[in-house]
Amino acid sequence: MIGAEPLPFSITLEPQEGETYQDVLAVARRVEALGFAGLYRSDHYAPVWGGEGLASTDAWATLAGLARDTERITIGTMVSPVTFRPAANLAKVTATVAQMAGAVDGRSRVHVGLGTGWLQAEHTMFGFPFDDLGTRFRRLEEHLQVLRGLWDPQIPRFRFDGEFEQLRDAVFAAKPDPVPRIVLGGSGPRRSAGLAARYADEMNTPFPTPASFRALRAALDEACAAAGREPIPLTVTAVCVLGADEAEFRRRAERLHARIGDRPLDEWLAQRSGTWVLGTPDRALEHLTGLVEAGAAGFSLQHLLPDDLDMLDLLAESVAARLGDIRPAATAPDRAV
């Protein structure tokens, strides 16, 4: 690994692309057995890449199942649109899943990733509000404020009079202990970094290059200083397609391209080569090392071939074990319940 601190490696799934709970659970169990830090999932009600009619599952209902069906890994959303749920509802749902999951090493096994929401089609389809981006950012800030207020053990009755959220002497019992981790998803150096610096425990950015990551890291550091806080971790989400050799990589890339490709394979891969983790383990390590040197504090790698568990083995053994923090399940601590 690089540096003194181990780098957490997690896996993110996109179950709105036709995955059932059993599909998600199979990946979660392999992720836990291999020693990855966490298993996260997207929060969408409609497919992002696939065609109309693909089955989807509710993110937080799925996480409640994983809370009982796994023992050690962190679970959560990457990320939940604040347009989907009232803030108080999201606070209660997250706290309930955290209670079901228990804690490991004194830390909650649950994190809640938050974002503005971006897929207009699913908002229109299901009746979720989808305002202009500035309005969605104001809604995001109110969600962050409400979650922090309701979970604060020093605030027995929480009042909030916002543009979108109104709470009147809300008694939130029981307060989650330990408190779930709040992760803000985004890439903007001003609004996203500013909100993360004021309210979040971590910021996660999707598909950066080392150069764009370094610039965002600097902006986040500046925002944290302005908020009177020490710098918070900045982590990376990226699609990962690996092969033990070039031939195996091409086979996996062809499978994924058949599902979501929008141009010839080689052109499609070239367009993504700077922001996705692609190729053999050595190529993946080169890409990830550049991000670590730019300040990345961890990785959540999107696994878009969920029936291919062998690729997770390769990632754990040939990439994460050489760069990050991998703890085999046999050495995992007991879960506190």
C-alpha atoms as a PDB file:
ATOM      1  CA  MET A   1       0.000   0.000   0.000  1.00  0.00           C
ATOM      2  CA  ILE A   2       1.022   3.613  -0.409  1.00  0.00           C
ATOM      3  CA  GLY A   3       1.567   5.750   2.667  1.00  0.00           C
ATOM      4  CA  ALA A   4       1.104   4.938   6.337  1.00  0.00           C
ATOM      5  CA  GLU A   5      -2.678   4.543   6.365  1.00  0.00           C
ATOM      6  CA  PRO A   6      -4.485   1.624   4.698  1.00  0.00           C
ATOM      7  CA  LEU A   7      -6.812   2.550   1.854  1.00  0.00           C
ATOM      8  CA  PRO A   8     -10.342   1.162   2.112  1.00  0.00           C
ATOM      9  CA  PHE A   9     -11.595  -0.581  -1.016  1.00  0.00           C
ATOM     10  CA  SER A  10     -15.345  -1.053  -1.414  1.00  0.00           C
ATOM     11  CA  ILE A  11     -17.659  -2.288  -4.151  1.00  0.00           C
ATOM     12  CA  THR A  12     -20.675  -0.409  -5.515  1.00  0.00           C
ATOM     13  CA  LEU A  13     -23.564  -2.066  -7.347  1.00  0.00           C
ATOM     14  CA  GLU A  14     -26.209  -0.611  -9.663  1.00  0.00           C
ATOM     15  CA  PRO A  15     -29.229  -2.833  -8.895  1.00  0.00           C
ATOM     16  CA  GLN A  16     -31.651  -0.710 -10.916  1.00  0.00           C
ATOM     17  CA  GLU A  17     -30.207  -2.488 -13.955  1.00  0.00           C
ATOM     18  CA  GLY A  18     -32.247  -5.643 -13.313  1.00  0.00           C
ATOM     19  CA  GLU A  19     -30.605  -7.068 -10.178  1.00  0.00           C
ATOM     20  CA  THR A  20     -32.676  -8.835  -7.525  1.00  0.00           C
ATOM     21  CA  TYR A  21     -31.966  -8.861  -3.804  1.00  0.00           C
ATOM     22  CA  GLN A  22     -30.441 -12.325  -4.190  1.00  0.00           C
ATOM     23  CA  ASP A  23     -28.057 -10.947  -6.828  1.00  0.00           C
ATOM     24  CA  VAL A  24     -26.984  -8.176  -4.468  1.00  0.00           C
ATOM     25  CA  LEU A  25     -26.625 -10.575  -1.544  1.00  0.00           C
ATOM     26  CA  ALA A  26     -24.402 -12.939  -3.534  1.00  0.00           C
ATOM     27  CA  VAL A  27     -22.019 -10.069  -4.280  1.00  0.00           C
ATOM     28  CA  ALA A  28     -22.184  -8.812  -0.682  1.00  0.00           C
ATOM     29  CA  ARG A  29     -21.215 -12.206   0.692  1.00  0.00           C
ATOM     30  CA  ARG A  30     -18.276 -12.495  -1.688  1.00  0.00           C
ATOM     31  CA  VAL A  31     -17.216  -8.920  -0.872  1.00  0.00           C
ATOM     32  CA  GLU A  32     -17.282  -9.730   2.836  1.00  0.00           C
ATOM     33  CA  ALA A  33     -15.431 -13.030   2.421  1.00  0.00           C
ATOM     34  CA  LEU A  34     -12.693 -11.327   0.401  1.00  0.00           C
ATOM     35  CA  GLY A  35     -12.151  -8.655   3.049  1.00  0.00           C
ATOM     36  CA  PHE A  36     -13.338  -5.542   1.244  1.00  0.00           C
ATOM     37  CA  ALA A  37     -14.355  -2.637   3.463  1.00  0.00           C
ATOM     38  CA  GLY A  38     -17.895  -2.168   2.184  1.00  0.00           C
ATOM     39  CA  LEU A  39     -20.690  -2.850  -0.274  1.00  0.00           C
ATOM     40  CA  TYR A  40     -22.661   0.154  -1.500  1.00  0.00           C
ATOM     41  CA  ARG A  41     -25.506   0.490  -3.931  1.00  0.00           C
ATOM     42  CA  SER A  42     -27.003   3.177  -6.091  1.00  0.00           C
ATOM     43  CA  ASP A  43     -30.423   4.638  -5.301  1.00  0.00           C
ATOM     44  CA  HIS A  44     -32.478   4.717  -8.492  1.00  0.00           C
ATOM     45  CA  TYR A  45     -36.023   3.667  -9.337  1.00  0.00           C
ATOM     46  CA  ALA A  46     -35.388   3.340 -13.083  1.00  0.00           C
ATOM     47  CA  PRO A  47     -32.513   1.998 -15.200  1.00  0.00           C
ATOM     48  CA  VAL A  48     -29.658   4.362 -15.968  1.00  0.00           C
ATOM     49  CA  TRP A  49     -28.034   2.386 -18.801  1.00  0.00           C
ATOM     50  CA  GLY A  50     -30.344  -0.523 -19.576  1.00  0.00           C
ATOM     51  CA  GLY A  51     -33.600  -0.616 -21.445  1.00  0.00           C
ATOM     52  CA  GLU A  52     -37.098   0.056 -20.208  1.00  0.00           C
ATOM     53  CA  GLY A  53     -38.644  -2.643 -18.049  1.00  0.00           C
ATOM     54  CA  LEU A  54     -35.562  -3.783 -16.124  1.00  0.00           C
ATOM     55  CA  ALA A  55     -36.448  -4.675 -12.546  1.00  0.00           C
ATOM     56  CA  SER A  56     -35.274  -2.429  -9.716  1.00  0.00           C
ATOM     57  CA  THR A  57     -35.390  -2.596  -5.924  1.00  0.00           C
ATOM     58  CA  ASP A  58     -35.630   0.082  -3.260  1.00  0.00           C
ATOM     59  CA  ALA A  59     -32.174   0.964  -1.967  1.00  0.00           C
ATOM     60  CA  TRP A  60     -32.945   1.212   1.741  1.00  0.00           C
ATOM     61  CA  ALA A  61     -35.157  -1.878   1.833  1.00  0.00           C
ATOM     62  CA  THR A  62     -32.265  -3.767   0.242  1.00  0.00           C
ATOM     63  CA  LEU A  63     -29.832  -2.365   2.800  1.00  0.00           C
ATOM     64  CA  ALA A  64     -32.090  -3.494   5.647  1.00  0.00           C
ATOM     65  CA  GLY A  65     -31.752  -7.028   4.326  1.00  0.00           C
ATOM     66  CA  LEU A  66     -27.980  -6.713   4.011  1.00  0.00           C
ATOM     67  CA  ALA A  67     -27.831  -5.384   7.571  1.00  0.00           C
ATOM     68  CA  ARG A  68     -28.959  -8.808   8.795  1.00  0.00           C
ATOM     69  CA  ASP A  69     -27.379 -10.954   6.079  1.00  0.00           C
ATOM     70  CA  THR A  70     -23.816  -9.618   6.468  1.00  0.00           C
ATOM     71  CA  GLU A  71     -21.608  -9.271   9.530  1.00  0.00           C
ATOM     72  CA  ARG A  72     -18.713  -6.853   9.057  1.00  0.00           C
ATOM     73  CA  ILE A  73     -18.805  -4.788   5.876  1.00  0.00           C
ATOM     74  CA  THR A  74     -20.028  -1.224   5.752  1.00  0.00           C
ATOM     75  CA  ILE A  75     -23.247  -0.831   3.757  1.00  0.00           C
ATOM     76  CA  GLY A  76     -24.916   2.271   2.391  1.00  0.00           C
ATOM     77  CA  THR A  77     -26.038   4.284  -0.602  1.00  0.00           C
ATOM     78  CA  MET A  78     -23.794   5.855  -3.197  1.00  0.00           C
ATOM     79  CA  VAL A  79     -25.810   8.076  -3.283  1.00  0.00           C
ATOM     80  CA  SER A  80     -29.424   8.757  -2.248  1.00  0.00           C
ATOM     81  CA  PRO A  81     -31.068  11.680  -4.066  1.00  0.00           C
ATOM     82  CA  VAL A  82     -32.558  14.072  -1.526  1.00  0.00           C
ATOM     83  CA  THR A  83     -35.515  14.442  -3.889  1.00  0.00           C
ATOM     84  CA  PHE A  84     -36.717  10.898  -3.117  1.00  0.00           C
ATOM     85  CA  ARG A  85     -37.463  11.121   0.624  1.00  0.00           C
ATOM     86  CA  PRO A  86     -38.285  13.793   3.201  1.00  0.00           C
ATOM     87  CA  ALA A  87     -35.273  14.467   5.397  1.00  0.00           C
ATOM     88  CA  ALA A  88     -36.865  13.194   8.612  1.00  0.00           C
ATOM     89  CA  ASN A  89     -37.939   9.995   6.873  1.00  0.00           C
ATOM     90  CA  LEU A  90     -34.422   9.421   5.550  1.00  0.00           C
ATOM     91  CA  ALA A  91     -33.006  10.067   9.024  1.00  0.00           C
ATOM     92  CA  LYS A  92     -35.321   7.447  10.555  1.00  0.00           C
ATOM     93  CA  VAL A  93     -34.771   4.880   7.793  1.00  0.00           C
ATOM     94  CA  THR A  94     -30.992   5.251   8.023  1.00  0.00           C
ATOM     95  CA  ALA A  95     -31.009   5.022  11.821  1.00  0.00           C
ATOM     96  CA  THR A  96     -33.200   1.911  11.674  1.00  0.00           C
ATOM     97  CA  VAL A  97     -30.908   0.150   9.207  1.00  0.00           C
ATOM     98  CA  ALA A  98     -27.929   1.143  11.373  1.00  0.00           C
ATOM     99  CA  GLN A  99     -29.619  -0.423  14.410  1.00  0.00           C
ATOM    100  CA  MET A 100     -30.258  -3.608  12.413  1.00  0.00           C
ATOM    101  CA  ALA A 101     -26.646  -3.736  11.214  1.00  0.00           C
ATOM    102  CA  GLY A 102     -24.943  -3.062  14.526  1.00  0.00           C
ATOM    103  CA  ALA A 103     -21.467  -1.634  14.865  1.00  0.00           C
ATOM    104  CA  VAL A 104     -17.948  -2.907  14.242  1.00  0.00           C
ATOM    105  CA  ASP A 105     -14.955  -1.521  16.126  1.00  0.00           C
ATOM    106  CA  GLY A 106     -17.220   1.125  17.667  1.00  0.00           C
ATOM    107  CA  ARG A 107     -18.277   2.512  14.286  1.00  0.00           C
ATOM    108  CA  SER A 108     -21.619   2.295  12.539  1.00  0.00           C
ATOM    109  CA  ARG A 109     -21.759  -0.199   9.700  1.00  0.00           C
ATOM    110  CA  VAL A 110     -24.053   2.164   7.779  1.00  0.00           C
ATOM    111  CA  HIS A 111     -23.340   5.266   5.808  1.00  0.00           C
ATOM    112  CA  VAL A 112     -25.758   7.469   3.947  1.00  0.00           C
ATOM    113  CA  GLY A 113     -24.512   8.991   0.731  1.00  0.00           C
ATOM    114  CA  LEU A 114     -26.397  12.111  -0.330  1.00  0.00           C
ATOM    115  CA  GLY A 115     -26.666  13.956  -3.621  1.00  0.00           C
ATOM    116  CA  THR A 116     -28.921  16.378  -5.449  1.00  0.00           C
ATOM    117  CA  GLY A 117     -30.418  13.782  -7.804  1.00  0.00           C
ATOM    118  CA  TRP A 118     -29.771  13.998 -11.537  1.00  0.00           C
ATOM    119  CA  LEU A 119     -31.862  11.489 -13.531  1.00  0.00           C
ATOM    120  CA  GLN A 120     -34.826  13.619 -14.547  1.00  0.00           C
ATOM    121  CA  ALA A 121     -36.675  10.771 -16.279  1.00  0.00           C
ATOM    122  CA  GLU A 122     -37.170   8.766 -13.089  1.00  0.00           C
ATOM    123  CA  HIS A 123     -38.331  11.846 -11.194  1.00  0.00           C
ATOM    124  CA  THR A 124     -40.964  12.537 -13.827  1.00  0.00           C
ATOM    125  CA  MET A 125     -41.960   8.875 -13.986  1.00  0.00           C
ATOM    126  CA  PHE A 126     -42.526   8.474 -10.244  1.00  0.00           C
ATOM    127  CA  GLY A 127     -43.613  11.967  -9.238  1.00  0.00           C
ATOM    128  CA  PHE A 128     -40.470  13.081  -7.414  1.00  0.00           C
ATOM    129  CA  PRO A 129     -39.717  16.826  -7.480  1.00  0.00           C
ATOM    130  CA  PHE A 130     -37.009  17.815  -9.938  1.00  0.00           C
ATOM    131  CA  ASP A 131     -36.273  21.512  -9.764  1.00  0.00           C
ATOM    132  CA  ASP A 132     -33.338  23.449 -11.180  1.00  0.00           C
ATOM    133  CA  LEU A 133     -29.893  22.562  -9.849  1.00  0.00           C
ATOM    134  CA  GLY A 134     -29.676  25.521  -7.486  1.00  0.00           C
ATOM    135  CA  THR A 135     -32.971  24.534  -5.853  1.00  0.00           C
ATOM    136  CA  ARG A 136     -31.818  20.926  -5.527  1.00  0.00           C
ATOM    137  CA  PHE A 137     -28.642  22.105  -3.815  1.00  0.00           C
ATOM    138  CA  ARG A 138     -30.734  24.075  -1.309  1.00  0.00           C
ATOM    139  CA  ARG A 139     -32.786  20.938  -0.665  1.00  0.00           C
ATOM    140  CA  LEU A 140     -29.557  18.974  -0.189  1.00  0.00           C
ATOM    141  CA  GLU A 141     -28.315  21.430   2.419  1.00  0.00           C
ATOM    142  CA  GLU A 142     -31.581  21.193   4.341  1.00  0.00           C
ATOM    143  CA  HIS A 143     -31.350  17.400   4.364  1.00  0.00           C
ATOM    144  CA  LEU A 144     -27.831  17.621   5.766  1.00  0.00           C
ATOM    145  CA  GLN A 145     -28.961  20.059   8.453  1.00  0.00           C
ATOM    146  CA  VAL A 146     -31.950  17.925   9.452  1.00  0.00           C
ATOM    147  CA  LEU A 147     -29.966  14.691   9.655  1.00  0.00           C
ATOM    148  CA  ARG A 148     -27.335  16.340  11.817  1.00  0.00           C
ATOM    149  CA  GLY A 149     -29.964  17.942  14.044  1.00  0.00           C
ATOM    150  CA  LEU A 150     -32.129  14.862  14.545  1.00  0.00           C
ATOM    151  CA  TRP A 151     -29.149  12.622  15.288  1.00  0.00           C
ATOM    152  CA  ASP A 152     -27.466  15.046  17.708  1.00  0.00           C
ATOM    153  CA  PRO A 153     -27.692  13.611  21.260  1.00  0.00           C
ATOM    154  CA  GLN A 154     -27.444  17.156  22.634  1.00  0.00           C
ATOM    155  CA  ILE A 155     -30.705  18.204  20.916  1.00  0.00           C
ATOM    156  CA  PRO A 156     -33.673  16.479  22.606  1.00  0.00           C
ATOM    157  CA  ARG A 157     -36.260  18.388  20.539  1.00  0.00           C
ATOM    158  CA  PHE A 158     -35.339  19.574  17.077  1.00  0.00           C
ATOM    159  CA  ARG A 159     -37.011  22.502  15.348  1.00  0.00           C
ATOM    160  CA  PHE A 160     -36.356  23.432  11.751  1.00  0.00           C
ATOM    161  CA  ASP A 161     -38.108  25.956   9.552  1.00  0.00           C
ATOM    162  CA  GLY A 162     -36.685  25.654   6.069  1.00  0.00           C
ATOM    163  CA  GLU A 163     -37.738  26.160   2.489  1.00  0.00           C
ATOM    164  CA  PHE A 164     -38.499  22.444   2.064  1.00  0.00           C
ATOM    165  CA  GLU A 165     -38.404  20.900   5.541  1.00  0.00           C
ATOM    166  CA  GLN A 166     -40.394  21.972   8.600  1.00  0.00           C
ATOM    167  CA  LEU A 167     -40.026  20.119  11.909  1.00  0.00           C
ATOM    168  CA  ARG A 168     -41.772  21.111  15.133  1.00  0.00           C
ATOM    169  CA  ASP A 169     -40.085  19.973  18.352  1.00  0.00           C
ATOM    170  CA  ALA A 170     -39.260  16.621  16.765  1.00  0.00           C
ATOM    171  CA  VAL A 171     -38.228  13.982  19.309  1.00  0.00           C
ATOM    172  CA  PHE A 172     -35.988  11.490  17.526  1.00  0.00           C
ATOM    173  CA  ALA A 173     -35.648   8.323  19.588  1.00  0.00           C
ATOM    174  CA  ALA A 174     -33.517   6.449  19.772  1.00  0.00           C
ATOM    175  CA  LYS A 175     -30.617   8.559  18.605  1.00  0.00           C
ATOM    176  CA  PRO A 176     -28.291   6.377  16.511  1.00  0.00           C
ATOM    177  CA  ASP A 177     -25.176   5.442  18.459  1.00  0.00           C
ATOM    178  CA  PRO A 178     -22.734   5.315  16.799  1.00  0.00           C
ATOM    179  CA  VAL A 179     -23.965   7.854  14.269  1.00  0.00           C
ATOM    180  CA  PRO A 180     -24.038   6.709  10.613  1.00  0.00           C
ATOM    181  CA  ARG A 181     -21.420   8.282   8.415  1.00  0.00           C
ATOM    182  CA  ILE A 182     -22.640  11.023   6.072  1.00  0.00           C
ATOM    183  CA  VAL A 183     -20.971  11.030   2.655  1.00  0.00           C
ATOM    184  CA  LEU A 184     -21.647  13.803   0.166  1.00  0.00           C
ATOM    185  CA  GLY A 185     -21.400  12.795  -3.466  1.00  0.00           C
ATOM    186  CA  GLY A 186     -20.343  15.355  -6.047  1.00  0.00           C
ATOM    187  CA  SER A 187     -17.559  16.917  -8.050  1.00  0.00           C
ATOM    188  CA  GLY A 188     -18.138  20.651  -7.769  1.00  0.00           C
ATOM    189  CA  PRO A 189     -15.336  22.651  -6.117  1.00  0.00           C
ATOM    190  CA  ARG A 190     -17.712  25.304  -4.803  1.00  0.00           C
ATOM    191  CA  ARG A 191     -21.182  24.046  -3.867  1.00  0.00           C
ATOM    192  CA  SER A 192     -20.483  20.338  -3.358  1.00  0.00           C
ATOM    193  CA  ALA A 193     -17.171  20.846  -1.597  1.00  0.00           C
ATOM    194  CA  GLY A 194     -18.641  23.644   0.506  1.00  0.00           C
ATOM    195  CA  LEU A 195     -21.536  21.506   1.754  1.00  0.00           C
ATOM    196  CA  ALA A 196     -19.251  18.542   2.393  1.00  0.00           C
ATOM    197  CA  ALA A 197     -16.903  20.718   4.420  1.00  0.00           C
ATOM    198  CA  ARG A 198     -19.721  22.013   6.612  1.00  0.00           C
ATOM    199  CA  TYR A 199     -21.796  18.883   7.167  1.00  0.00           C
ATOM    200  CA  ALA A 200     -20.277  15.627   5.873  1.00  0.00           C
ATOM    201  CA  ASP A 201     -17.827  13.086   7.243  1.00  0.00           C
ATOM    202  CA  GLU A 202     -16.509  12.338   3.766  1.00  0.00           C
ATOM    203  CA  MET A 203     -16.853  13.502   0.182  1.00  0.00           C
ATOM    204  CA  ASN A 204     -16.968  11.053  -2.718  1.00  0.00           C
ATOM    205  CA  THR A 205     -16.388  12.115  -6.297  1.00  0.00           C
ATOM    206  CA  PRO A 206     -17.190  10.057  -9.411  1.00  0.00           C
ATOM    207  CA  PHE A 207     -14.855   9.345 -12.326  1.00  0.00           C
ATOM    208  CA  PRO A 208     -12.037  11.833 -11.673  1.00  0.00           C
ATOM    209  CA  THR A 209      -8.690  12.023 -13.397  1.00  0.00           C
ATOM    210  CA  PRO A 210      -5.685  12.588 -11.123  1.00  0.00           C
ATOM    211  CA  ALA A 211      -5.607  16.235 -12.224  1.00  0.00           C
ATOM    212  CA  SER A 212      -9.298  16.893 -11.564  1.00  0.00           C
ATOM    213  CA  PHE A 213      -9.055  15.030  -8.270  1.00  0.00           C
ATOM    214  CA  ARG A 214      -6.092  17.113  -7.136  1.00  0.00           C
ATOM    215  CA  ALA A 215      -7.994  20.320  -7.895  1.00  0.00           C
ATOM    216  CA  LEU A 216     -11.058  19.121  -5.985  1.00  0.00           C
ATOM    217  CA  ARG A 217      -8.898  18.030  -3.053  1.00  0.00           C
ATOM    218  CA  ALA A 218      -7.441  21.538  -2.862  1.00  0.00           C
ATOM    219  CA  ALA A 219     -10.906  23.116  -3.020  1.00  0.00           C
ATOM    220  CA  LEU A 220     -12.206  20.793  -0.301  1.00  0.00           C
ATOM    221  CA  ASP A 221      -9.236  21.571   1.939  1.00  0.00           C
ATOM    222  CA  GLU A 222      -9.902  25.277   1.500  1.00  0.00           C
ATOM    223  CA  ALA A 223     -13.604  24.819   2.266  1.00  0.00           C
ATOM    224  CA  CYS A 224     -12.830  22.782   5.385  1.00  0.00           C
ATOM    225  CA  ALA A 225     -10.466  25.479   6.627  1.00  0.00           C
ATOM    226  CA  ALA A 226     -13.160  28.110   6.055  1.00  0.00           C
ATOM    227  CA  ALA A 227     -15.592  25.957   8.056  1.00  0.00           C
ATOM    228  CA  GLY A 228     -13.105  25.600  10.906  1.00  0.00           C
ATOM    229  CA  ARG A 229     -12.614  21.873  10.357  1.00  0.00           C
ATOM    230  CA  GLU A 230      -9.704  19.587   9.668  1.00  0.00           C
ATOM    231  CA  PRO A 231      -9.724  18.218   6.093  1.00  0.00           C
ATOM    232  CA  ILE A 232     -12.229  15.412   5.578  1.00  0.00           C
ATOM    233  CA  PRO A 233     -11.500  12.357   3.405  1.00  0.00           C
ATOM    234  CA  LEU A 234     -12.106  12.588  -0.333  1.00  0.00           C
ATOM    235  CA  THR A 235     -12.774   9.224  -1.965  1.00  0.00           C
ATOM    236  CA  VAL A 236     -13.331   8.010  -5.524  1.00  0.00           C
ATOM    237  CA  THR A 237     -16.087   6.127  -7.327  1.00  0.00           C
ATOM    238  CA  ALA A 238     -15.131   4.557 -10.653  1.00  0.00           C
ATOM    239  CA  VAL A 239     -16.304   1.713 -12.864  1.00  0.00           C
ATOM    240  CA  CYS A 240     -13.911  -1.243 -12.749  1.00  0.00           C
ATOM    241  CA  VAL A 241     -13.429  -3.882 -15.452  1.00  0.00           C
ATOM    242  CA  LEU A 242     -10.420  -6.152 -14.878  1.00  0.00           C
ATOM    243  CA  GLY A 243      -8.866  -9.187 -16.516  1.00  0.00           C
ATOM    244  CA  ALA A 244      -5.924 -11.307 -15.459  1.00  0.00           C
ATOM    245  CA  ASP A 245      -4.584 -10.754 -18.971  1.00  0.00           C
ATOM    246  CA  GLU A 246      -5.611  -8.687 -21.968  1.00  0.00           C
ATOM    247  CA  ALA A 247      -7.763 -11.455 -23.443  1.00  0.00           C
ATOM    248  CA  GLU A 248      -9.788 -11.873 -20.256  1.00  0.00           C
ATOM    249  CA  PHE A 249     -10.187  -8.117 -19.938  1.00  0.00           C
ATOM    250  CA  ARG A 250     -11.500  -7.907 -23.510  1.00  0.00           C
ATOM    251  CA  ARG A 251     -14.050 -10.647 -22.838  1.00  0.00           C
ATOM    252  CA  ARG A 252     -15.392  -8.793 -19.820  1.00  0.00           C
ATOM    253  CA  ALA A 253     -15.341  -5.449 -21.611  1.00  0.00           C
ATOM    254  CA  GLU A 254     -17.282  -6.972 -24.500  1.00  0.00           C
ATOM    255  CA  ARG A 255     -19.934  -8.295 -22.098  1.00  0.00           C
ATOM    256  CA  LEU A 256     -20.387  -4.873 -20.515  1.00  0.00           C
ATOM    257  CA  HIS A 257     -20.282  -3.092 -23.860  1.00  0.00           C
ATOM    258  CA  ALA A 258     -23.067  -5.330 -25.154  1.00  0.00           C
ATOM    259  CA  ARG A 259     -25.253  -4.041 -22.325  1.00  0.00           C
ATOM    260  CA  ILE A 260     -24.413  -0.357 -22.145  1.00  0.00           C
ATOM    261  CA  GLY A 261     -22.084   0.555 -25.019  1.00  0.00           C
ATOM    262  CA  ASP A 262     -23.096   3.442 -27.260  1.00  0.00           C
ATOM    263  CA  ARG A 263     -20.287   3.316 -29.860  1.00  0.00           C
ATOM    264  CA  PRO A 264     -17.724   0.777 -31.167  1.00  0.00           C
ATOM    265  CA  LEU A 265     -15.918  -1.068 -28.384  1.00  0.00           C
ATOM    266  CA  ASP A 266     -12.411   0.334 -28.853  1.00  0.00           C
ATOM    267  CA  GLU A 267     -13.707   3.895 -29.132  1.00  0.00           C
ATOM    268  CA  TRP A 268     -15.957   3.328 -26.100  1.00  0.00           C
ATOM    269  CA  LEU A 269     -13.041   2.057 -23.995  1.00  0.00           C
ATOM    270  CA  ALA A 270     -10.706   4.823 -25.134  1.00  0.00           C
ATOM    271  CA  GLN A 271     -13.236   7.459 -24.118  1.00  0.00           C
ATOM    272  CA  ARG A 272     -13.320   6.015 -20.580  1.00  0.00           C
ATOM    273  CA  SER A 273      -9.671   5.076 -20.136  1.00  0.00           C
ATOM    274  CA  GLY A 274      -8.812   8.116 -18.045  1.00  0.00           C
ATOM    275  CA  THR A 275     -11.691   7.839 -15.591  1.00  0.00           C
ATOM    276  CA  TRP A 276     -12.565   4.122 -15.342  1.00  0.00           C
ATOM    277  CA  VAL A 277     -10.345   1.393 -13.883  1.00  0.00           C
ATOM    278  CA  LEU A 278      -9.726  -0.769 -16.949  1.00  0.00           C
ATOM    279  CA  GLY A 279      -7.381  -3.537 -18.029  1.00  0.00           C
ATOM    280  CA  THR A 280      -4.992  -5.873 -16.268  1.00  0.00           C
ATOM    281  CA  PRO A 281      -4.109  -5.536 -12.558  1.00  0.00           C
ATOM    282  CA  ASP A 282      -0.910  -3.676 -13.413  1.00  0.00           C
ATOM    283  CA  ARG A 283      -2.829  -1.135 -15.497  1.00  0.00           C
ATOM    284  CA  ALA A 284      -5.406  -0.764 -12.743  1.00  0.00           C
ATOM    285  CA  LEU A 285      -2.692  -0.187 -10.157  1.00  0.00           C
ATOM    286  CA  GLU A 286      -1.099   2.485 -12.315  1.00  0.00           C
ATOM    287  CA  HIS A 287      -4.422   4.318 -12.613  1.00  0.00           C
ATOM    288  CA  LEU A 288      -5.278   4.030  -8.913  1.00  0.00           C
ATOM    289  CA  THR A 289      -1.779   4.978  -7.792  1.00  0.00           C
ATOM    290  CA  GLY A 290      -2.107   8.252  -9.668  1.00  0.00           C
ATOM    291  CA  LEU A 291      -5.272   9.009  -7.706  1.00  0.00           C
ATOM    292  CA  VAL A 292      -3.660   8.036  -4.396  1.00  0.00           C
ATOM    293  CA  GLU A 293      -0.757  10.357  -5.131  1.00  0.00           C
ATOM    294  CA  ALA A 294      -3.332  13.100  -5.787  1.00  0.00           C
ATOM    295  CA  GLY A 295      -4.820  12.502  -2.323  1.00  0.00           C
ATOM    296  CA  ALA A 296      -7.492   9.799  -2.684  1.00  0.00           C
ATOM    297  CA  ALA A 297      -8.441   8.357   0.703  1.00  0.00           C
ATOM    298  CA  GLY A 298     -10.232   5.274  -0.625  1.00  0.00           C
ATOM    299  CA  PHE A 299     -12.102   3.732  -3.526  1.00  0.00           C
ATOM    300  CA  SER A 300     -15.617   2.504  -4.229  1.00  0.00           C
ATOM    301  CA  LEU A 301     -15.407   0.562  -7.464  1.00  0.00           C
ATOM    302  CA  GLN A 302     -18.560  -0.014  -9.489  1.00  0.00           C
ATOM    303  CA  HIS A 303     -19.048  -3.665 -10.405  1.00  0.00           C
ATOM    304  CA  LEU A 304     -21.334  -3.668 -13.431  1.00  0.00           C
ATOM    305  CA  LEU A 305     -21.080  -7.414 -14.115  1.00  0.00           C
ATOM    306  CA  PRO A 306     -22.645  -8.603 -10.848  1.00  0.00           C
ATOM    307  CA  ASP A 307     -22.831 -12.260 -11.880  1.00  0.00           C
ATOM    308  CA  ASP A 308     -19.042 -12.284 -12.423  1.00  0.00           C
ATOM    309  CA  LEU A 309     -17.775 -12.954  -8.907  1.00  0.00           C
ATOM    310  CA  ASP A 310     -14.388 -14.108 -10.209  1.00  0.00           C
ATOM    311  CA  MET A 311     -13.557 -10.516 -11.133  1.00  0.00           C
ATOM    312  CA  LEU A 312     -13.988  -9.568  -7.470  1.00  0.00           C
ATOM    313  CA  ASP A 313     -11.447 -12.253  -6.544  1.00  0.00           C
ATOM    314  CA  LEU A 314      -8.988 -10.789  -9.038  1.00  0.00           C
ATOM    315  CA  LEU A 315      -9.571  -7.260  -7.760  1.00  0.00           C
ATOM    316  CA  ALA A 316      -9.029  -8.309  -4.146  1.00  0.00           C
ATOM    317  CA  GLU A 317      -5.954 -10.435  -4.714  1.00  0.00           C
ATOM    318  CA  SER A 318      -4.133  -8.554  -7.454  1.00  0.00           C
ATOM    319  CA  VAL A 319      -5.075  -4.914  -6.891  1.00  0.00           C
ATOM    320  CA  ALA A 320      -6.587  -4.107  -3.501  1.00  0.00           C
ATOM    321  CA  ALA A 321      -4.208  -6.355  -1.565  1.00  0.00           C
ATOM    322  CA  ARG A 322      -1.278  -4.504  -3.146  1.00  0.00           C
ATOM    323  CA  LEU A 323      -2.689  -1.020  -2.592  1.00  0.00           C
ATOM    324  CA  GLY A 324      -5.348  -1.078   0.107  1.00  0.00           C
ATOM    325  CA  ASP A 325      -6.744  -2.508   3.306  1.00  0.00           C
ATOM    326  CA  ILE A 326      -7.989  -6.085   2.828  1.00  0.00           C
ATOM    327  CA  ARG A 327      -9.057  -8.027   5.919  1.00  0.00           C
ATOM    328  CA  PRO A 328     -10.106 -11.636   5.287  1.00  0.00           C
ATOM    329  CA  ALA A 329     -13.440 -12.528   6.819  1.00  0.00           C
ATOM    330  CA  ALA A 330     -11.815 -15.053   9.152  1.00  0.00           C
ATOM    331  CA  THR A 331     -10.152 -12.206  11.052  1.00  0.00           C
ATOM    332  CA  ALA A 332     -13.185  -9.924  11.160  1.00  0.00           C
ATOM    333  CA  PRO A 333     -14.264  -8.721  14.617  1.00  0.00           C
ATOM    334  CA  ASP A 334     -17.567  -9.758  16.105  1.00  0.00           C
ATOM    335  CA  ARG A 335     -20.473  -7.483  15.318  1.00  0.00           C
ATOM    336  CA  ALA A 336     -21.959  -5.489  18.172  1.00  0.00           C
ATOM    337  CA  VAL A 337     -25.753  -5.807  18.299  1.00  0.00           C
END
